[in-house]
N, C-alpha and C. Protein backbone atom coordinates (compact mmCIF):
# COMPACT_ATOMS: atom_id res chain seq x y z
N MET A 1 170.15 106.95 172.73
CA MET A 1 170.47 108.26 172.22
C MET A 1 171.95 108.32 171.84
N PHE A 2 172.79 107.69 172.64
CA PHE A 2 174.22 107.67 172.40
C PHE A 2 174.52 107.01 171.05
N LYS A 3 173.75 106.00 170.70
CA LYS A 3 173.96 105.26 169.44
C LYS A 3 173.23 105.90 168.26
N GLY A 4 172.48 106.96 168.53
CA GLY A 4 171.76 107.63 167.45
C GLY A 4 170.47 106.97 167.04
N ILE A 5 170.00 106.02 167.81
CA ILE A 5 168.74 105.33 167.50
C ILE A 5 167.55 106.17 167.93
N LEU A 6 167.71 106.88 169.02
CA LEU A 6 166.63 107.68 169.59
C LEU A 6 167.08 109.13 169.69
N VAL A 7 166.17 110.03 169.39
CA VAL A 7 166.45 111.46 169.47
C VAL A 7 165.97 111.97 170.83
N ASP A 8 166.74 112.86 171.44
CA ASP A 8 166.37 113.41 172.74
C ASP A 8 165.30 114.49 172.56
N HIS A 9 164.12 114.01 172.18
CA HIS A 9 162.97 114.90 172.00
C HIS A 9 161.82 114.29 172.80
N PRO A 10 161.11 115.08 173.60
CA PRO A 10 160.07 114.53 174.49
C PRO A 10 159.05 113.63 173.80
N LYS A 11 158.59 114.03 172.62
CA LYS A 11 157.58 113.23 171.92
C LYS A 11 158.15 111.88 171.48
N GLU A 12 159.37 111.87 170.98
CA GLU A 12 160.01 110.62 170.55
C GLU A 12 160.29 109.70 171.74
N LEU A 13 160.77 110.28 172.82
CA LEU A 13 161.05 109.49 174.01
C LEU A 13 159.76 108.91 174.59
N ALA A 14 158.70 109.71 174.58
CA ALA A 14 157.41 109.24 175.09
C ALA A 14 156.89 108.07 174.26
N LYS A 15 157.00 108.15 172.96
CA LYS A 15 156.57 107.04 172.09
C LYS A 15 157.37 105.78 172.38
N PHE A 16 158.68 105.95 172.54
CA PHE A 16 159.53 104.80 172.85
C PHE A 16 159.09 104.14 174.16
N ILE A 17 158.86 104.96 175.17
CA ILE A 17 158.44 104.43 176.48
C ILE A 17 157.07 103.77 176.37
N PHE A 18 156.14 104.41 175.68
CA PHE A 18 154.77 103.91 175.57
C PHE A 18 154.70 102.55 174.89
N TYR A 19 155.51 102.36 173.86
CA TYR A 19 155.43 101.13 173.08
C TYR A 19 156.45 100.07 173.48
N THR A 20 157.29 100.35 174.46
CA THR A 20 158.28 99.38 174.94
C THR A 20 157.81 98.84 176.28
N ARG A 21 157.62 97.56 176.35
CA ARG A 21 157.05 96.93 177.55
C ARG A 21 158.09 96.45 178.55
N ARG A 22 159.32 96.32 178.18
CA ARG A 22 160.30 95.67 179.05
C ARG A 22 161.30 96.65 179.64
N LEU A 23 160.84 97.82 180.01
CA LEU A 23 161.72 98.79 180.66
C LEU A 23 161.66 98.58 182.17
N ASN A 24 162.74 98.88 182.83
CA ASN A 24 162.78 98.79 184.29
C ASN A 24 161.89 99.90 184.85
N TRP A 25 160.75 99.52 185.42
CA TRP A 25 159.76 100.50 185.83
C TRP A 25 160.25 101.40 186.97
N LYS A 26 161.15 100.91 187.80
CA LYS A 26 161.67 101.76 188.88
C LYS A 26 162.56 102.87 188.31
N MET A 27 163.40 102.50 187.36
CA MET A 27 164.26 103.51 186.73
C MET A 27 163.41 104.46 185.87
N LEU A 28 162.39 103.91 185.24
CA LEU A 28 161.51 104.74 184.42
C LEU A 28 160.78 105.77 185.28
N ARG A 29 160.35 105.34 186.45
CA ARG A 29 159.68 106.26 187.37
C ARG A 29 160.60 107.43 187.73
N VAL A 30 161.84 107.15 188.04
CA VAL A 30 162.81 108.20 188.37
C VAL A 30 163.02 109.11 187.16
N TYR A 31 163.16 108.50 185.99
CA TYR A 31 163.38 109.26 184.77
C TYR A 31 162.21 110.21 184.50
N LEU A 32 160.99 109.70 184.59
CA LEU A 32 159.81 110.53 184.31
C LEU A 32 159.63 111.62 185.36
N ASP A 33 160.03 111.33 186.57
CA ASP A 33 159.96 112.36 187.62
C ASP A 33 160.91 113.51 187.30
N GLU A 34 162.03 113.18 186.68
CA GLU A 34 163.02 114.21 186.31
C GLU A 34 162.67 114.87 184.98
N ARG A 35 162.06 114.13 184.08
CA ARG A 35 161.75 114.65 182.75
C ARG A 35 160.24 114.82 182.60
N ARG A 36 159.72 115.87 183.20
CA ARG A 36 158.28 116.11 183.15
C ARG A 36 157.80 116.41 181.72
N ASP A 37 158.67 116.92 180.86
CA ASP A 37 158.29 117.15 179.48
C ASP A 37 157.98 115.83 178.77
N VAL A 38 158.74 114.80 179.07
CA VAL A 38 158.49 113.47 178.51
C VAL A 38 157.22 112.89 179.12
N LEU A 39 157.04 113.08 180.41
CA LEU A 39 155.83 112.61 181.09
C LEU A 39 154.59 113.25 180.47
N ASP A 40 154.64 114.54 180.19
CA ASP A 40 153.50 115.22 179.57
C ASP A 40 153.15 114.58 178.22
N GLU A 41 154.15 114.32 177.43
CA GLU A 41 153.92 113.69 176.12
C GLU A 41 153.41 112.26 176.27
N LEU A 42 153.92 111.55 177.25
CA LEU A 42 153.51 110.17 177.50
C LEU A 42 152.03 110.11 177.88
N VAL A 43 151.59 111.05 178.68
CA VAL A 43 150.18 111.09 179.09
C VAL A 43 149.28 111.32 177.88
N THR A 44 149.70 112.17 176.96
CA THR A 44 148.85 112.46 175.80
C THR A 44 148.73 111.27 174.85
N LEU A 45 149.59 110.29 174.96
CA LEU A 45 149.48 109.09 174.12
C LEU A 45 148.37 108.15 174.58
N HIS A 46 147.88 108.34 175.79
CA HIS A 46 146.80 107.50 176.30
C HIS A 46 145.45 107.96 175.75
N ASN A 47 144.63 107.00 175.38
CA ASN A 47 143.28 107.30 174.94
C ASN A 47 142.32 106.61 175.90
N PHE A 48 141.69 107.40 176.74
CA PHE A 48 140.77 106.86 177.74
C PHE A 48 139.31 106.98 177.32
N SER A 49 139.06 107.22 176.05
CA SER A 49 137.69 107.39 175.57
C SER A 49 136.85 106.16 175.89
N ASN A 50 135.66 106.43 176.43
CA ASN A 50 134.68 105.39 176.73
C ASN A 50 135.18 104.34 177.70
N GLN A 51 136.11 104.69 178.56
CA GLN A 51 136.57 103.76 179.60
C GLN A 51 135.98 104.19 180.94
N PHE A 52 135.60 103.21 181.73
CA PHE A 52 135.14 103.47 183.08
C PHE A 52 136.35 103.96 183.89
N LEU A 53 136.16 104.93 184.73
CA LEU A 53 137.26 105.60 185.42
C LEU A 53 138.26 104.65 186.07
N PRO A 54 137.84 103.66 186.86
CA PRO A 54 138.86 102.77 187.47
C PRO A 54 139.66 101.97 186.43
N ASN A 55 139.00 101.58 185.35
CA ASN A 55 139.70 100.82 184.31
C ASN A 55 140.72 101.71 183.59
N ALA A 56 140.35 102.96 183.35
CA ALA A 56 141.28 103.91 182.73
C ALA A 56 142.47 104.15 183.65
N LEU A 57 142.22 104.26 184.94
CA LEU A 57 143.30 104.48 185.91
C LEU A 57 144.23 103.27 185.95
N ARG A 58 143.67 102.06 185.90
CA ARG A 58 144.51 100.85 185.84
C ARG A 58 145.39 100.85 184.58
N ASP A 59 144.78 101.21 183.46
CA ASP A 59 145.52 101.26 182.20
C ASP A 59 146.65 102.28 182.30
N PHE A 60 146.38 103.42 182.87
CA PHE A 60 147.38 104.47 183.05
C PHE A 60 148.56 103.98 183.88
N PHE A 61 148.25 103.33 185.01
CA PHE A 61 149.30 102.87 185.90
C PHE A 61 150.01 101.60 185.39
N ARG A 62 149.49 100.97 184.35
CA ARG A 62 150.23 99.89 183.70
C ARG A 62 151.39 100.46 182.89
N HIS A 63 151.21 101.65 182.34
CA HIS A 63 152.26 102.30 181.55
C HIS A 63 153.17 103.17 182.41
N ILE A 64 152.58 103.82 183.38
CA ILE A 64 153.34 104.73 184.24
C ILE A 64 153.11 104.26 185.67
N HIS A 65 154.02 103.50 186.18
CA HIS A 65 153.83 102.88 187.49
C HIS A 65 153.70 103.92 188.60
N ALA A 66 152.76 103.66 189.47
CA ALA A 66 152.53 104.56 190.61
C ALA A 66 153.67 104.43 191.61
N PRO A 67 154.05 105.53 192.22
CA PRO A 67 155.08 105.43 193.27
C PRO A 67 154.53 104.67 194.47
N GLU A 68 155.42 104.10 195.23
CA GLU A 68 155.00 103.31 196.39
C GLU A 68 154.55 104.17 197.56
N GLU A 69 154.94 105.43 197.54
CA GLU A 69 154.56 106.33 198.63
C GLU A 69 153.76 107.49 198.05
N ARG A 70 152.92 108.05 198.91
CA ARG A 70 152.19 109.25 198.51
C ARG A 70 153.16 110.41 198.51
N GLY A 71 152.94 111.33 197.61
CA GLY A 71 153.80 112.49 197.56
C GLY A 71 153.54 113.31 196.31
N GLU A 72 154.44 114.22 196.05
CA GLU A 72 154.28 115.17 194.96
C GLU A 72 154.21 114.48 193.59
N TYR A 73 155.00 113.44 193.39
CA TYR A 73 154.99 112.76 192.09
C TYR A 73 153.65 112.06 191.85
N LEU A 74 153.10 111.41 192.86
CA LEU A 74 151.79 110.77 192.72
C LEU A 74 150.73 111.83 192.43
N GLU A 75 150.78 112.94 193.12
CA GLU A 75 149.83 114.02 192.86
C GLU A 75 149.94 114.51 191.43
N THR A 76 151.16 114.64 190.94
CA THR A 76 151.38 115.07 189.55
C THR A 76 150.77 114.06 188.58
N LEU A 77 151.00 112.77 188.82
CA LEU A 77 150.45 111.74 187.95
C LEU A 77 148.93 111.78 187.93
N ILE A 78 148.32 111.89 189.10
CA ILE A 78 146.86 111.90 189.17
C ILE A 78 146.30 113.16 188.52
N THR A 79 146.96 114.28 188.70
CA THR A 79 146.52 115.53 188.06
C THR A 79 146.55 115.39 186.55
N LYS A 80 147.66 114.88 186.03
CA LYS A 80 147.80 114.72 184.58
C LYS A 80 146.77 113.71 184.05
N PHE A 81 146.59 112.62 184.78
CA PHE A 81 145.59 111.63 184.38
C PHE A 81 144.19 112.26 184.36
N SER A 82 143.85 113.01 185.39
CA SER A 82 142.51 113.61 185.49
C SER A 82 142.21 114.52 184.32
N HIS A 83 143.17 115.34 183.96
CA HIS A 83 142.98 116.24 182.82
C HIS A 83 142.83 115.45 181.52
N ARG A 84 143.66 114.43 181.34
CA ARG A 84 143.59 113.63 180.13
C ARG A 84 142.28 112.85 180.06
N PHE A 85 141.84 112.28 181.19
CA PHE A 85 140.59 111.54 181.22
C PHE A 85 139.44 112.46 180.82
N CYS A 86 139.42 113.66 181.35
CA CYS A 86 138.35 114.62 181.02
C CYS A 86 138.40 115.01 179.55
N THR A 87 139.58 115.19 179.01
CA THR A 87 139.73 115.53 177.59
C THR A 87 139.20 114.39 176.71
N CYS A 88 139.50 113.17 177.07
CA CYS A 88 139.09 112.01 176.27
C CYS A 88 137.60 111.70 176.41
N ASN A 89 136.97 112.17 177.47
CA ASN A 89 135.57 111.84 177.75
C ASN A 89 134.75 113.10 178.01
N ALA A 90 134.88 114.08 177.15
CA ALA A 90 134.23 115.38 177.37
C ALA A 90 132.72 115.25 177.56
N GLY A 91 132.07 114.45 176.74
CA GLY A 91 130.62 114.28 176.86
C GLY A 91 130.21 113.63 178.17
N LEU A 92 130.87 112.55 178.51
CA LEU A 92 130.58 111.85 179.76
C LEU A 92 130.84 112.74 180.96
N VAL A 93 131.94 113.44 180.94
CA VAL A 93 132.30 114.33 182.04
C VAL A 93 131.23 115.40 182.20
N ARG A 94 130.77 115.94 181.09
CA ARG A 94 129.72 116.97 181.12
C ARG A 94 128.41 116.38 181.67
N ASP A 95 128.05 115.18 181.19
CA ASP A 95 126.80 114.54 181.62
C ASP A 95 126.80 114.21 183.11
N LEU A 96 127.96 113.82 183.63
CA LEU A 96 128.06 113.47 185.05
C LEU A 96 128.37 114.67 185.94
N GLY A 97 128.61 115.82 185.33
CA GLY A 97 128.93 117.02 186.11
C GLY A 97 130.32 116.97 186.73
N LEU A 98 131.24 116.31 186.03
CA LEU A 98 132.60 116.19 186.55
C LEU A 98 133.50 117.27 185.95
N ASN A 99 134.66 117.43 186.55
CA ASN A 99 135.72 118.29 186.04
C ASN A 99 137.03 117.66 186.49
N PRO A 100 138.17 118.16 186.02
CA PRO A 100 139.44 117.54 186.43
C PRO A 100 139.65 117.47 187.93
N ASP A 101 139.18 118.47 188.67
CA ASP A 101 139.33 118.43 190.12
C ASP A 101 138.52 117.30 190.75
N ALA A 102 137.29 117.12 190.28
CA ALA A 102 136.45 116.03 190.80
C ALA A 102 137.04 114.68 190.44
N VAL A 103 137.55 114.53 189.21
CA VAL A 103 138.17 113.27 188.79
C VAL A 103 139.40 113.01 189.64
N TYR A 104 140.16 114.05 189.94
CA TYR A 104 141.34 113.92 190.81
C TYR A 104 140.93 113.34 192.17
N VAL A 105 139.89 113.90 192.77
CA VAL A 105 139.41 113.43 194.07
C VAL A 105 138.95 111.98 193.97
N LEU A 106 138.22 111.65 192.91
CA LEU A 106 137.75 110.28 192.73
C LEU A 106 138.92 109.31 192.56
N CYS A 107 139.94 109.72 191.83
CA CYS A 107 141.12 108.86 191.64
C CYS A 107 141.81 108.58 192.96
N TYR A 108 142.01 109.63 193.74
CA TYR A 108 142.64 109.44 195.04
C TYR A 108 141.78 108.53 195.92
N SER A 109 140.48 108.73 195.87
CA SER A 109 139.56 107.88 196.64
C SER A 109 139.65 106.43 196.21
N LEU A 110 139.77 106.21 194.89
CA LEU A 110 139.88 104.84 194.38
C LEU A 110 141.18 104.18 194.81
N ILE A 111 142.26 104.93 194.82
CA ILE A 111 143.54 104.39 195.27
C ILE A 111 143.47 104.01 196.74
N LEU A 112 142.92 104.90 197.54
CA LEU A 112 142.81 104.61 198.98
C LEU A 112 141.87 103.44 199.24
N LEU A 113 140.76 103.38 198.50
CA LEU A 113 139.83 102.25 198.64
C LEU A 113 140.52 100.95 198.24
N SER A 114 141.29 100.99 197.17
CA SER A 114 142.03 99.80 196.72
C SER A 114 142.93 99.27 197.82
N ILE A 115 143.64 100.17 198.44
CA ILE A 115 144.54 99.78 199.53
C ILE A 115 143.74 99.22 200.70
N ASP A 116 142.66 99.91 201.04
CA ASP A 116 141.82 99.48 202.16
C ASP A 116 141.27 98.07 201.93
N LEU A 117 140.77 97.81 200.73
CA LEU A 117 140.13 96.51 200.47
C LEU A 117 141.12 95.37 200.27
N THR A 118 142.33 95.69 199.82
CA THR A 118 143.28 94.61 199.51
C THR A 118 144.35 94.39 200.56
N SER A 119 144.53 95.32 201.46
CA SER A 119 145.60 95.18 202.45
C SER A 119 145.19 94.21 203.56
N PRO A 120 146.04 93.25 203.86
CA PRO A 120 145.75 92.33 204.96
C PRO A 120 145.88 93.03 206.33
N HIS A 121 146.50 94.19 206.34
CA HIS A 121 146.69 94.93 207.60
C HIS A 121 145.44 95.70 208.02
N VAL A 122 144.51 95.91 207.09
CA VAL A 122 143.27 96.62 207.40
C VAL A 122 142.23 95.58 207.79
N LYS A 123 141.85 95.59 209.04
CA LYS A 123 140.91 94.58 209.55
C LYS A 123 139.46 94.94 209.22
N ASN A 124 139.09 96.21 209.42
CA ASN A 124 137.72 96.66 209.16
C ASN A 124 137.68 97.35 207.80
N LYS A 125 137.28 96.60 206.80
CA LYS A 125 137.25 97.10 205.43
C LYS A 125 136.13 98.14 205.27
N MET A 126 136.39 99.12 204.42
CA MET A 126 135.41 100.17 204.18
C MET A 126 134.21 99.58 203.45
N SER A 127 133.04 99.93 203.91
CA SER A 127 131.81 99.48 203.26
C SER A 127 131.48 100.41 202.09
N LYS A 128 130.58 99.95 201.27
CA LYS A 128 130.13 100.76 200.14
C LYS A 128 129.49 102.05 200.63
N ARG A 129 128.68 101.94 201.67
CA ARG A 129 128.00 103.11 202.24
C ARG A 129 129.03 104.12 202.77
N GLU A 130 130.07 103.64 203.45
CA GLU A 130 131.12 104.54 203.96
C GLU A 130 131.87 105.21 202.82
N PHE A 131 132.17 104.45 201.78
CA PHE A 131 132.88 105.01 200.63
C PHE A 131 132.05 106.11 199.97
N ILE A 132 130.78 105.86 199.78
CA ILE A 132 129.90 106.87 199.17
C ILE A 132 129.85 108.11 200.04
N ARG A 133 129.68 107.93 201.34
CA ARG A 133 129.60 109.08 202.26
C ARG A 133 130.91 109.88 202.25
N ASN A 134 132.04 109.19 202.32
CA ASN A 134 133.33 109.87 202.34
C ASN A 134 133.60 110.59 201.02
N THR A 135 133.27 109.95 199.93
CA THR A 135 133.51 110.56 198.61
C THR A 135 132.59 111.76 198.40
N ARG A 136 131.37 111.68 198.85
CA ARG A 136 130.42 112.78 198.71
C ARG A 136 130.94 114.04 199.43
N ARG A 137 131.63 113.84 200.54
CA ARG A 137 132.19 114.98 201.26
C ARG A 137 133.25 115.71 200.45
N ALA A 138 134.01 114.95 199.66
CA ALA A 138 135.12 115.54 198.90
C ALA A 138 134.71 115.96 197.49
N ALA A 139 133.81 115.23 196.87
CA ALA A 139 133.34 115.54 195.52
C ALA A 139 131.82 115.70 195.57
N HIS A 140 131.39 116.91 195.77
CA HIS A 140 129.98 117.21 196.08
C HIS A 140 129.00 116.91 194.94
N ASN A 141 129.40 117.12 193.71
CA ASN A 141 128.46 117.01 192.59
C ASN A 141 128.35 115.62 191.99
N VAL A 142 129.06 114.67 192.55
CA VAL A 142 129.08 113.32 191.98
C VAL A 142 127.91 112.52 192.56
N SER A 143 127.20 111.81 191.69
CA SER A 143 126.02 111.06 192.16
C SER A 143 126.43 109.85 192.98
N ASP A 144 125.58 109.50 193.93
CA ASP A 144 125.82 108.33 194.77
C ASP A 144 125.86 107.04 193.94
N ASP A 145 125.02 106.97 192.91
CA ASP A 145 125.01 105.78 192.05
C ASP A 145 126.36 105.59 191.36
N PHE A 146 126.91 106.68 190.83
CA PHE A 146 128.20 106.61 190.14
C PHE A 146 129.30 106.17 191.12
N VAL A 147 129.31 106.76 192.29
CA VAL A 147 130.31 106.41 193.31
C VAL A 147 130.14 104.95 193.74
N GLY A 148 128.90 104.50 193.83
CA GLY A 148 128.63 103.10 194.15
C GLY A 148 129.19 102.16 193.11
N HIS A 149 129.06 102.54 191.83
CA HIS A 149 129.63 101.72 190.75
C HIS A 149 131.16 101.69 190.84
N LEU A 150 131.76 102.81 191.24
CA LEU A 150 133.21 102.85 191.43
C LEU A 150 133.62 101.85 192.51
N TYR A 151 132.89 101.87 193.62
CA TYR A 151 133.19 100.94 194.73
C TYR A 151 133.09 99.50 194.25
N ASP A 152 131.99 99.19 193.54
CA ASP A 152 131.78 97.82 193.06
C ASP A 152 132.93 97.36 192.16
N ASN A 153 133.41 98.25 191.32
CA ASN A 153 134.50 97.90 190.42
C ASN A 153 135.76 97.54 191.20
N ILE A 154 136.10 98.33 192.19
CA ILE A 154 137.29 98.06 192.99
C ILE A 154 137.09 96.78 193.80
N TYR A 155 135.91 96.61 194.35
CA TYR A 155 135.61 95.42 195.15
C TYR A 155 135.73 94.15 194.32
N LEU A 156 135.22 94.20 193.09
CA LEU A 156 135.19 93.01 192.25
C LEU A 156 136.47 92.77 191.46
N ILE A 157 137.10 93.83 190.98
CA ILE A 157 138.25 93.68 190.09
C ILE A 157 139.57 93.87 190.82
N GLY A 158 139.61 94.78 191.78
CA GLY A 158 140.82 94.96 192.56
C GLY A 158 141.50 96.28 192.36
N HIS A 159 142.71 96.32 192.80
CA HIS A 159 143.53 97.53 192.91
C HIS A 159 143.67 98.27 191.60
N VAL A 160 143.69 99.61 191.65
CA VAL A 160 143.85 100.42 190.45
C VAL A 160 145.31 100.77 190.18
N ALA A 161 146.15 100.69 191.17
CA ALA A 161 147.55 101.12 191.00
C ALA A 161 148.54 100.03 191.38
N ALA A 162 148.18 98.79 191.13
CA ALA A 162 149.06 97.68 191.51
C ALA A 162 150.25 97.57 190.60
């Protein structure tokens, strides 16, 4: 911006961030936490159409790195992702009976499952049956089959927010 190459406008900054791969992700995380207007624009650049939820979440966290700790910023990221995912997949969301709140719960569940299955500190890994039961308590309208497919994806492919 100092050199006049970039304009201090949220949409322009978001495009620069989205298409530039070699930014320091720790500094970017701090910047986006401070510039929520840029974060909003950055989220709208993602197209999650026809993506399976865990794969879309992985794609999202490749561009916008997840914080290492749970907190308000992670909640903000998941909220923004959930709304964008629903916007990009309106038909699927309707067919599955989902809404942004349910997607939010599923995303948090996927992050926790990812940690559970990949952490060497967790000795008793969560089973598919336990994941379905726990998720059903938090997201009532989601089918067991869909939640089972979510579990399988994390089990086979790995972490969503690495």
